[in-house]
PDB file of N, CA and C in Angstrom:
ATOM      1  N   MET A   1       0.842  -1.174   0.000  1.00  0.00           N
ATOM      2  CA  MET A   1       0.000   0.000   0.000  1.00  0.00           C
ATOM      3  C   MET A   1       0.886   1.235   0.000  1.00  0.00           C
ATOM      4  N   ALA A   2       0.598   2.193  -0.835  1.00  0.00           N
ATOM      5  CA  ALA A   2       1.414   3.396  -0.962  1.00  0.00           C
ATOM      6  C   ALA A   2       1.068   4.390   0.135  1.00  0.00           C
ATOM      7  N   ASP A   3       2.099   5.062   0.639  1.00  0.00           N
ATOM      8  CA  ASP A   3       1.910   6.090   1.670  1.00  0.00           C
ATOM      9  C   ASP A   3       1.579   7.413   0.998  1.00  0.00           C
ATOM     10  N   THR A   4       0.453   7.978   1.352  1.00  0.00           N
ATOM     11  CA  THR A   4       0.043   9.246   0.752  1.00  0.00           C
ATOM     12  C   THR A   4       0.643  10.441   1.458  1.00  0.00           C
ATOM     13  N   GLY A   5       1.266  10.217   2.611  1.00  0.00           N
ATOM     14  CA  GLY A   5       1.880  11.321   3.341  1.00  0.00           C
ATOM     15  C   GLY A   5       0.908  12.074   4.234  1.00  0.00           C
ATOM     16  N   SER A   6      -0.329  11.628   4.295  1.00  0.00           N
ATOM     17  CA  SER A   6      -1.299  12.322   5.138  1.00  0.00           C
ATOM     18  C   SER A   6      -1.281  11.741   6.538  1.00  0.00           C
ATOM     19  N   SER A   7      -1.608  12.551   7.501  1.00  0.00           N
ATOM     20  CA  SER A   7      -1.638  12.098   8.884  1.00  0.00           C
ATOM     21  C   SER A   7      -2.924  11.325   9.130  1.00  0.00           C
ATOM     22  N   PRO A   8      -2.984  10.501  10.174  1.00  0.00           N
ATOM     23  CA  PRO A   8      -4.190   9.737  10.459  1.00  0.00           C
ATOM     24  C   PRO A   8      -5.381  10.636  10.801  1.00  0.00           C
ATOM     25  N   ASP A   9      -5.123  11.908  11.127  1.00  0.00           N
ATOM     26  CA  ASP A   9      -6.174  12.835  11.519  1.00  0.00           C
ATOM     27  C   ASP A   9      -6.922  13.405  10.317  1.00  0.00           C
ATOM     28  N   THR A  10      -6.363  13.254   9.116  1.00  0.00           N
ATOM     29  CA  THR A  10      -6.982  13.876   7.945  1.00  0.00           C
ATOM     30  C   THR A  10      -8.169  13.074   7.478  1.00  0.00           C
ATOM     31  N   ASN A  11      -9.104  13.792   6.874  1.00  0.00           N
ATOM     32  CA  ASN A  11     -10.311  13.154   6.377  1.00  0.00           C
ATOM     33  C   ASN A  11     -10.734  13.886   5.116  1.00  0.00           C
ATOM     34  N   GLY A  12     -10.866  13.195   4.020  1.00  0.00           N
ATOM     35  CA  GLY A  12     -11.269  13.852   2.792  1.00  0.00           C
ATOM     36  C   GLY A  12     -10.089  14.501   2.103  1.00  0.00           C
ATOM     37  N   SER A  13     -10.401  15.335   1.108  1.00  0.00           N
ATOM     38  CA  SER A  13      -9.351  15.938   0.304  1.00  0.00           C
ATOM     39  C   SER A  13      -8.893  17.296   0.814  1.00  0.00           C
ATOM     40  N   SER A  14      -9.539  17.822   1.853  1.00  0.00           N
ATOM     41  CA  SER A  14      -9.187  19.158   2.326  1.00  0.00           C
ATOM     42  C   SER A  14      -7.847  19.182   3.053  1.00  0.00           C
ATOM     43  N   GLY A  15      -7.405  18.049   3.577  1.00  0.00           N
ATOM     44  CA  GLY A  15      -6.144  18.008   4.300  1.00  0.00           C
ATOM     45  C   GLY A  15      -6.270  18.475   5.738  1.00  0.00           C
ATOM     46  N   VAL A  16      -7.465  18.842   6.157  1.00  0.00           N
ATOM     47  CA  VAL A  16      -7.693  19.273   7.532  1.00  0.00           C
ATOM     48  C   VAL A  16      -8.424  18.152   8.245  1.00  0.00           C
ATOM     49  N   GLY A  17      -7.838  17.667   9.335  1.00  0.00           N
ATOM     50  CA  GLY A  17      -8.408  16.534  10.043  1.00  0.00           C
ATOM     51  C   GLY A  17      -9.573  16.900  10.945  1.00  0.00           C
ATOM     52  N   ALA A  18     -10.220  15.865  11.430  1.00  0.00           N
ATOM     53  CA  ALA A  18     -11.382  16.039  12.297  1.00  0.00           C
ATOM     54  C   ALA A  18     -11.008  16.749  13.599  1.00  0.00           C
ATOM     55  N   LEU A  19      -9.852  16.403  14.165  1.00  0.00           N
ATOM     56  CA  LEU A  19      -9.436  17.062  15.405  1.00  0.00           C
ATOM     57  C   LEU A  19      -9.143  18.542  15.183  1.00  0.00           C
ATOM     58  N   THR A  20      -8.562  18.847  14.048  1.00  0.00           N
ATOM     59  CA  THR A  20      -8.280  20.251  13.725  1.00  0.00           C
ATOM     60  C   THR A  20      -9.576  21.022  13.556  1.00  0.00           C
ATOM     61  N   ARG A  21     -10.532  20.423  12.848  1.00  0.00           N
ATOM     62  CA  ARG A  21     -11.827  21.098  12.673  1.00  0.00           C
ATOM     63  C   ARG A  21     -12.528  21.295  14.015  1.00  0.00           C
ATOM     64  N   LEU A  22     -12.447  20.293  14.889  1.00  0.00           N
ATOM     65  CA  LEU A  22     -13.045  20.407  16.217  1.00  0.00           C
ATOM     66  C   LEU A  22     -12.358  21.513  17.020  1.00  0.00           C
ATOM     67  N   ASN A  23     -11.034  21.593  16.922  1.00  0.00           N
ATOM     68  CA  ASN A  23     -10.285  22.634  17.612  1.00  0.00           C
ATOM     69  C   ASN A  23     -10.679  24.020  17.111  1.00  0.00           C
ATOM     70  N   VAL A  24     -10.808  24.165  15.788  1.00  0.00           N
ATOM     71  CA  VAL A  24     -11.211  25.451  15.211  1.00  0.00           C
ATOM     72  C   VAL A  24     -12.610  25.825  15.696  1.00  0.00           C
ATOM     73  N   LEU A  25     -13.530  24.861  15.694  1.00  0.00           N
ATOM     74  CA  LEU A  25     -14.890  25.121  16.167  1.00  0.00           C
ATOM     75  C   LEU A  25     -14.882  25.545  17.636  1.00  0.00           C
ATOM     76  N   SER A  26     -14.091  24.869  18.449  1.00  0.00           N
ATOM     77  CA  SER A  26     -13.981  25.214  19.864  1.00  0.00           C
ATOM     78  C   SER A  26     -13.407  26.622  20.051  1.00  0.00           C
ATOM     79  N   LEU A  27     -12.369  26.941  19.300  1.00  0.00           N
ATOM     80  CA  LEU A  27     -11.758  28.268  19.397  1.00  0.00           C
ATOM     81  C   LEU A  27     -12.734  29.365  18.984  1.00  0.00           C
ATOM     82  N   LEU A  28     -13.482  29.122  17.906  1.00  0.00           N
ATOM     83  CA  LEU A  28     -14.455  30.118  17.446  1.00  0.00           C
ATOM     84  C   LEU A  28     -15.584  30.305  18.462  1.00  0.00           C
ATOM     85  N   THR A  29     -16.013  29.205  19.083  1.00  0.00           N
ATOM     86  CA  THR A  29     -17.054  29.290  20.106  1.00  0.00           C
ATOM     87  C   THR A  29     -16.560  30.091  21.310  1.00  0.00           C
ATOM     88  N   GLN A  30     -15.336  29.807  21.757  1.00  0.00           N
ATOM     89  CA  GLN A  30     -14.763  30.547  22.879  1.00  0.00           C
ATOM     90  C   GLN A  30     -14.594  32.024  22.529  1.00  0.00           C
ATOM     91  N   ALA A  31     -14.158  32.297  21.313  1.00  0.00           N
ATOM     92  CA  ALA A  31     -13.966  33.682  20.877  1.00  0.00           C
ATOM     93  C   ALA A  31     -15.295  34.423  20.860  1.00  0.00           C
ATOM     94  N   GLY A  32     -16.336  33.787  20.326  1.00  0.00           N
ATOM     95  CA  GLY A  32     -17.655  34.412  20.299  1.00  0.00           C
ATOM     96  C   GLY A  32     -18.178  34.701  21.692  1.00  0.00           C
ATOM     97  N   TYR A  33     -17.988  33.755  22.601  1.00  0.00           N
ATOM     98  CA  TYR A  33     -18.432  33.956  23.982  1.00  0.00           C
ATOM     99  C   TYR A  33     -17.689  35.131  24.622  1.00  0.00           C
ATOM    100  N   ASN A  34     -16.373  35.177  24.447  1.00  0.00           N
ATOM    101  CA  ASN A  34     -15.585  36.261  25.038  1.00  0.00           C
ATOM    102  C   ASN A  34     -15.934  37.603  24.421  1.00  0.00           C
ATOM    103  N   LEU A  35     -16.228  37.623  23.139  1.00  0.00           N
ATOM    104  CA  LEU A  35     -16.646  38.858  22.485  1.00  0.00           C
ATOM    105  C   LEU A  35     -17.983  39.330  23.059  1.00  0.00           C
ATOM    106  N   LYS A  36     -18.889  38.391  23.255  1.00  0.00           N
ATOM    107  CA  LYS A  36     -20.203  38.699  23.837  1.00  0.00           C
ATOM    108  C   LYS A  36     -20.062  39.247  25.261  1.00  0.00           C
ATOM    109  N   GLU A  37     -19.113  38.707  26.014  1.00  0.00           N
ATOM    110  CA  GLU A  37     -18.892  39.125  27.396  1.00  0.00           C
ATOM    111  C   GLU A  37     -18.083  40.417  27.501  1.00  0.00           C
ATOM    112  N   GLY A  38     -17.614  40.945  26.377  1.00  0.00           N
ATOM    113  CA  GLY A  38     -16.885  42.210  26.381  1.00  0.00           C
ATOM    114  C   GLY A  38     -15.384  42.084  26.488  1.00  0.00           C
ATOM    115  N   ASN A  39     -14.865  40.868  26.450  1.00  0.00           N
ATOM    116  CA  ASN A  39     -13.421  40.651  26.545  1.00  0.00           C
ATOM    117  C   ASN A  39     -12.860  40.550  25.118  1.00  0.00           C
ATOM    118  N   THR A  40     -12.755  41.712  24.465  1.00  0.00           N
ATOM    119  CA  THR A  40     -12.383  41.727  23.049  1.00  0.00           C
ATOM    120  C   THR A  40     -10.929  41.301  22.808  1.00  0.00           C
ATOM    121  N   GLU A  41     -10.032  41.623  23.724  1.00  0.00           N
ATOM    122  CA  GLU A  41      -8.628  41.237  23.543  1.00  0.00           C
ATOM    123  C   GLU A  41      -8.492  39.721  23.502  1.00  0.00           C
ATOM    124  N   ARG A  42      -9.112  39.049  24.449  1.00  0.00           N
ATOM    125  CA  ARG A  42      -9.062  37.586  24.488  1.00  0.00           C
ATOM    126  C   ARG A  42      -9.778  36.999  23.265  1.00  0.00           C
ATOM    127  N   ALA A  43     -10.904  37.603  22.886  1.00  0.00           N
ATOM    128  CA  ALA A  43     -11.650  37.122  21.720  1.00  0.00           C
ATOM    129  C   ALA A  43     -10.799  37.212  20.463  1.00  0.00           C
ATOM    130  N   MET A  44     -10.072  38.291  20.287  1.00  0.00           N
ATOM    131  CA  MET A  44      -9.245  38.441  19.099  1.00  0.00           C
ATOM    132  C   MET A  44      -8.096  37.431  19.098  1.00  0.00           C
ATOM    133  N   LEU A  45      -7.527  37.154  20.264  1.00  0.00           N
ATOM    134  CA  LEU A  45      -6.481  36.131  20.337  1.00  0.00           C
ATOM    135  C   LEU A  45      -7.037  34.765  19.947  1.00  0.00           C
ATOM    136  N   LEU A  46      -8.249  34.467  20.409  1.00  0.00           N
ATOM    137  CA  LEU A  46      -8.864  33.185  20.076  1.00  0.00           C
ATOM    138  C   LEU A  46      -9.244  33.104  18.595  1.00  0.00           C
ATOM    139  N   PHE A  47      -9.742  34.209  18.023  1.00  0.00           N
ATOM    140  CA  PHE A  47     -10.033  34.229  16.585  1.00  0.00           C
ATOM    141  C   PHE A  47      -8.740  34.006  15.795  1.00  0.00           C
ATOM    142  N   GLY A  48      -7.667  34.629  16.221  1.00  0.00           N
ATOM    143  CA  GLY A  48      -6.381  34.438  15.554  1.00  0.00           C
ATOM    144  C   GLY A  48      -5.896  33.003  15.654  1.00  0.00           C
ATOM    145  N   ALA A  49      -6.064  32.400  16.828  1.00  0.00           N
ATOM    146  CA  ALA A  49      -5.665  30.997  17.003  1.00  0.00           C
ATOM    147  C   ALA A  49      -6.499  30.090  16.109  1.00  0.00           C
ATOM    148  N   ALA A  50      -7.790  30.408  15.954  1.00  0.00           N
ATOM    149  CA  ALA A  50      -8.651  29.611  15.071  1.00  0.00           C
ATOM    150  C   ALA A  50      -8.195  29.738  13.620  1.00  0.00           C
ATOM    151  N   ALA A  51      -7.765  30.928  13.227  1.00  0.00           N
ATOM    152  CA  ALA A  51      -7.290  31.129  11.859  1.00  0.00           C
ATOM    153  C   ALA A  51      -5.974  30.388  11.612  1.00  0.00           C
ATOM    154  N   LEU A  52      -5.148  30.271  12.640  1.00  0.00           N
ATOM    155  CA  LEU A  52      -3.854  29.602  12.505  1.00  0.00           C
ATOM    156  C   LEU A  52      -3.942  28.088  12.627  1.00  0.00           C
ATOM    157  N   ALA A  53      -4.971  27.585  13.287  1.00  0.00           N
ATOM    158  CA  ALA A  53      -5.053  26.164  13.617  1.00  0.00           C
ATOM    159  C   ALA A  53      -4.884  25.224  12.424  1.00  0.00           C
ATOM    160  N   PRO A  54      -5.529  25.471  11.286  1.00  0.00           N
ATOM    161  CA  PRO A  54      -5.343  24.533  10.170  1.00  0.00           C
ATOM    162  C   PRO A  54      -3.910  24.517   9.616  1.00  0.00           C
ATOM    163  N   HIS A  55      -3.178  25.594   9.802  1.00  0.00           N
ATOM    164  CA  HIS A  55      -1.823  25.705   9.269  1.00  0.00           C
ATOM    165  C   HIS A  55      -0.757  25.342  10.293  1.00  0.00           C
ATOM    166  N   SER A  56      -1.018  25.668  11.553  1.00  0.00           N
ATOM    167  CA  SER A  56      -0.045  25.396  12.608  1.00  0.00           C
ATOM    168  C   SER A  56      -0.781  25.077  13.906  1.00  0.00           C
ATOM    169  N   SER A  57      -1.092  23.807  14.071  1.00  0.00           N
ATOM    170  CA  SER A  57      -1.844  23.411  15.259  1.00  0.00           C
ATOM    171  C   SER A  57      -1.021  23.649  16.532  1.00  0.00           C
ATOM    172  N   LYS A  58       0.295  23.491  16.445  1.00  0.00           N
ATOM    173  CA  LYS A  58       1.129  23.715  17.626  1.00  0.00           C
ATOM    174  C   LYS A  58       1.032  25.152  18.110  1.00  0.00           C
ATOM    175  N   LEU A  59       1.017  26.095  17.184  1.00  0.00           N
ATOM    176  CA  LEU A  59       0.916  27.500  17.560  1.00  0.00           C
ATOM    177  C   LEU A  59      -0.452  27.803  18.163  1.00  0.00           C
ATOM    178  N   SER A  60      -1.507  27.233  17.598  1.00  0.00           N
ATOM    179  CA  SER A  60      -2.836  27.488  18.154  1.00  0.00           C
ATOM    180  C   SER A  60      -2.958  26.887  19.556  1.00  0.00           C
ATOM    181  N   TYR A  61      -2.368  25.700  19.761  1.00  0.00           N
ATOM    182  CA  TYR A  61      -2.382  25.111  21.104  1.00  0.00           C
ATOM    183  C   TYR A  61      -1.544  25.933  22.077  1.00  0.00           C
ATOM    184  N   ALA A  62      -0.460  26.523  21.606  1.00  0.00           N
ATOM    185  CA  ALA A  62       0.368  27.376  22.462  1.00  0.00           C
ATOM    186  C   ALA A  62      -0.405  28.613  22.903  1.00  0.00           C
ATOM    187  N   ILE A  63      -1.175  29.192  21.989  1.00  0.00           N
ATOM    188  CA  ILE A  63      -1.990  30.364  22.345  1.00  0.00           C
ATOM    189  C   ILE A  63      -3.032  29.970  23.381  1.00  0.00           C
ATOM    190  N   GLN A  64      -3.714  28.833  23.154  1.00  0.00           N
ATOM    191  CA  GLN A  64      -4.701  28.357  24.118  1.00  0.00           C
ATOM    192  C   GLN A  64      -4.054  28.081  25.473  1.00  0.00           C
ATOM    193  N   GLY A  65      -2.895  27.468  25.449  1.00  0.00           N
ATOM    194  CA  GLY A  65      -2.187  27.173  26.700  1.00  0.00           C
ATOM    195  C   GLY A  65      -1.784  28.427  27.437  1.00  0.00           C
ATOM    196  N   GLY A  66      -1.345  29.439  26.702  1.00  0.00           N
ATOM    197  CA  GLY A  66      -0.978  30.709  27.330  1.00  0.00           C
ATOM    198  C   GLY A  66      -2.172  31.385  27.981  1.00  0.00           C
ATOM    199  N   LEU A  67      -3.307  31.372  27.301  1.00  0.00           N
ATOM    200  CA  LEU A  67      -4.519  31.966  27.883  1.00  0.00           C
ATOM    201  C   LEU A  67      -4.974  31.193  29.118  1.00  0.00           C
ATOM    202  N   THR A  68      -4.874  29.865  29.068  1.00  0.00           N
ATOM    203  CA  THR A  68      -5.253  29.043  30.212  1.00  0.00           C
ATOM    204  C   THR A  68      -4.309  29.284  31.385  1.00  0.00           C
ATOM    205  N   ALA A  69      -3.011  29.381  31.114  1.00  0.00           N
ATOM    206  CA  ALA A  69      -2.040  29.645  32.179  1.00  0.00           C
ATOM    207  C   ALA A  69      -2.308  30.998  32.834  1.00  0.00           C
ATOM    208  N   LYS A  70      -2.659  31.988  32.021  1.00  0.00           N
ATOM    209  CA  LYS A  70      -2.990  33.311  32.568  1.00  0.00           C
ATOM    210  C   LYS A  70      -4.209  33.223  33.470  1.00  0.00           C
ATOM    211  N   ASP A  71      -5.230  32.473  33.047  1.00  0.00           N
ATOM    212  CA  ASP A  71      -6.430  32.299  33.864  1.00  0.00           C
ATOM    213  C   ASP A  71      -6.110  31.635  35.200  1.00  0.00           C
ATOM    214  N   VAL A  72      -5.286  30.591  35.152  1.00  0.00           N
ATOM    215  CA  VAL A  72      -4.914  29.871  36.377  1.00  0.00           C
ATOM    216  C   VAL A  72      -4.145  30.790  37.317  1.00  0.00           C
ATOM    217  N   LEU A  73      -3.184  31.547  36.780  1.00  0.00           N
ATOM    218  CA  LEU A  73      -2.417  32.470  37.621  1.00  0.00           C
ATOM    219  C   LEU A  73      -3.309  33.549  38.235  1.00  0.00           C
ATOM    220  N   ASP A  74      -4.264  34.055  37.433  1.00  0.00           N
ATOM    221  CA  ASP A  74      -5.195  35.058  37.954  1.00  0.00           C
ATOM    222  C   ASP A  74      -6.034  34.484  39.089  1.00  0.00           C
ATOM    223  N   LYS A  75      -6.492  33.240  38.946  1.00  0.00           N
ATOM    224  CA  LYS A  75      -7.298  32.599  40.000  1.00  0.00           C
ATOM    225  C   LYS A  75      -6.463  32.374  41.252  1.00  0.00           C
ATOM    226  N   LEU A  76      -5.226  31.946  41.080  1.00  0.00           N
ATOM    227  CA  LEU A  76      -4.366  31.715  42.241  1.00  0.00           C
ATOM    228  C   LEU A  76      -4.053  33.021  42.960  1.00  0.00           C
ATOM    229  N   THR A  77      -3.800  34.078  42.212  1.00  0.00           N
ATOM    230  CA  THR A  77      -3.516  35.384  42.801  1.00  0.00           C
ATOM    231  C   THR A  77      -4.750  35.910  43.523  1.00  0.00           C
ATOM    232  N   GLU A  78      -5.905  35.731  42.896  1.00  0.00           N
ATOM    233  CA  GLU A  78      -7.164  36.187  43.475  1.00  0.00           C
ATOM    234  C   GLU A  78      -7.465  35.438  44.776  1.00  0.00           C
ATOM    235  N   ALA A  79      -7.166  34.143  44.828  1.00  0.00           N
ATOM    236  CA  ALA A  79      -7.444  33.330  46.001  1.00  0.00           C
ATOM    237  C   ALA A  79      -6.497  33.654  47.149  1.00  0.00           C
ATOM    238  N   SER A  80      -5.280  34.104  46.857  1.00  0.00           N
ATOM    239  CA  SER A  80      -4.309  34.356  47.919  1.00  0.00           C
ATOM    240  C   SER A  80      -4.471  35.737  48.551  1.00  0.00           C
ATOM    241  N   GLU A  81      -5.231  36.622  47.911  1.00  0.00           N
ATOM    242  CA  GLU A  81      -5.442  37.954  48.471  1.00  0.00           C
ATOM    243  C   GLU A  81      -6.637  37.933  49.422  1.00  0.00           C
ATOM    244  N   PRO A  82      -6.507  38.569  50.605  1.00  0.00           N
ATOM    245  CA  PRO A  82      -7.650  38.619  51.517  1.00  0.00           C
ATOM    246  C   PRO A  82      -8.725  39.542  50.948  1.00  0.00           C
ATOM    247  N   PRO A  83      -9.971  39.310  51.289  1.00  0.00           N
ATOM    248  CA  PRO A  83     -11.035  40.203  50.828  1.00  0.00           C
ATOM    249  C   PRO A  83     -10.764  41.631  51.263  1.00  0.00           C
ATOM    250  N   SER A  84     -11.212  42.576  50.455  1.00  0.00           N
ATOM    251  CA  SER A  84     -10.947  43.983  50.763  1.00  0.00           C
ATOM    252  C   SER A  84     -11.587  44.371  52.084  1.00  0.00           C
ATOM    253  N   GLY A  85     -10.843  45.113  52.874  1.00  0.00           N
ATOM    254  CA  GLY A  85     -11.334  45.581  54.165  1.00  0.00           C
ATOM    255  C   GLY A  85     -11.070  44.611  55.300  1.00  0.00           C
ATOM    256  N   GLU A  86     -10.660  43.396  54.976  1.00  0.00           N
ATOM    257  CA  GLU A  86     -10.379  42.411  56.012  1.00  0.00           C
ATOM    258  C   GLU A  86      -8.927  41.972  55.898  1.00  0.00           C
ATOM    259  N   THR A  87      -8.245  41.953  57.023  1.00  0.00           N
ATOM    260  CA  THR A  87      -6.849  41.509  57.012  1.00  0.00           C
ATOM    261  C   THR A  87      -6.711  40.076  57.460  1.00  0.00           C
ATOM    262  N   GLY A  88      -7.743  39.547  58.088  1.00  0.00           N
ATOM    263  CA  GLY A  88      -7.688  38.184  58.564  1.00  0.00           C
ATOM    264  C   GLY A  88      -7.033  38.050  59.924  1.00  0.00           C
ATOM    265  N   THR A  89      -6.579  39.148  60.521  1.00  0.00           N
ATOM    266  CA  THR A  89      -5.917  39.084  61.819  1.00  0.00           C
ATOM    267  C   THR A  89      -6.742  39.698  62.926  1.00  0.00           C
ATOM    268  N   ASP A  90      -7.917  40.239  62.615  1.00  0.00           N
ATOM    269  CA  ASP A  90      -8.757  40.849  63.630  1.00  0.00           C
ATOM    270  C   ASP A  90      -9.475  39.776  64.438  1.00  0.00           C
ATOM    271  N   ILE A  91      -9.208  39.750  65.725  1.00  0.00           N
ATOM    272  CA  ILE A  91      -9.867  38.807  66.618  1.00  0.00           C
ATOM    273  C   ILE A  91     -10.683  39.632  67.603  1.00  0.00           C
ATOM    274  N   PRO A  92     -12.001  39.416  67.612  1.00  0.00           N
ATOM    275  CA  PRO A  92     -12.827  40.191  68.551  1.00  0.00           C
ATOM    276  C   PRO A  92     -12.539  39.785  69.998  1.00  0.00           C
ATOM    277  N   ILE A  93     -12.338  40.781  70.833  1.00  0.00           N
ATOM    278  CA  ILE A  93     -12.077  40.523  72.259  1.00  0.00           C
ATOM    279  C   ILE A  93     -13.259  41.088  73.040  1.00  0.00           C
ATOM    280  N   GLU A  94     -13.838  40.239  73.890  1.00  0.00           N
ATOM    281  CA  GLU A  94     -15.002  40.687  74.672  1.00  0.00           C
ATOM    282  C   GLU A  94     -14.687  40.778  76.117  1.00  0.00           C
TER     283      GLU A  94
END
């Protein structure tokens, strides 16, 4: 059997595999949601990643990973800060 040079992910003659199409759909959905929520910077990054995904899946995954890492760091920073107005050291004495 001759090797066509296509990856196992490809389907049809377009050269874009099912996983790539799913990734693009996911990126576009996330971008639309972020645009709706008013986070245009993140939405534009996701739209760009969706445009790059068929050509460079590694780059699109890197963009997604960077956005996810930023979210995780923001959550960790948010969790480590005490609520405003409270220091956590006030003990009522009666």
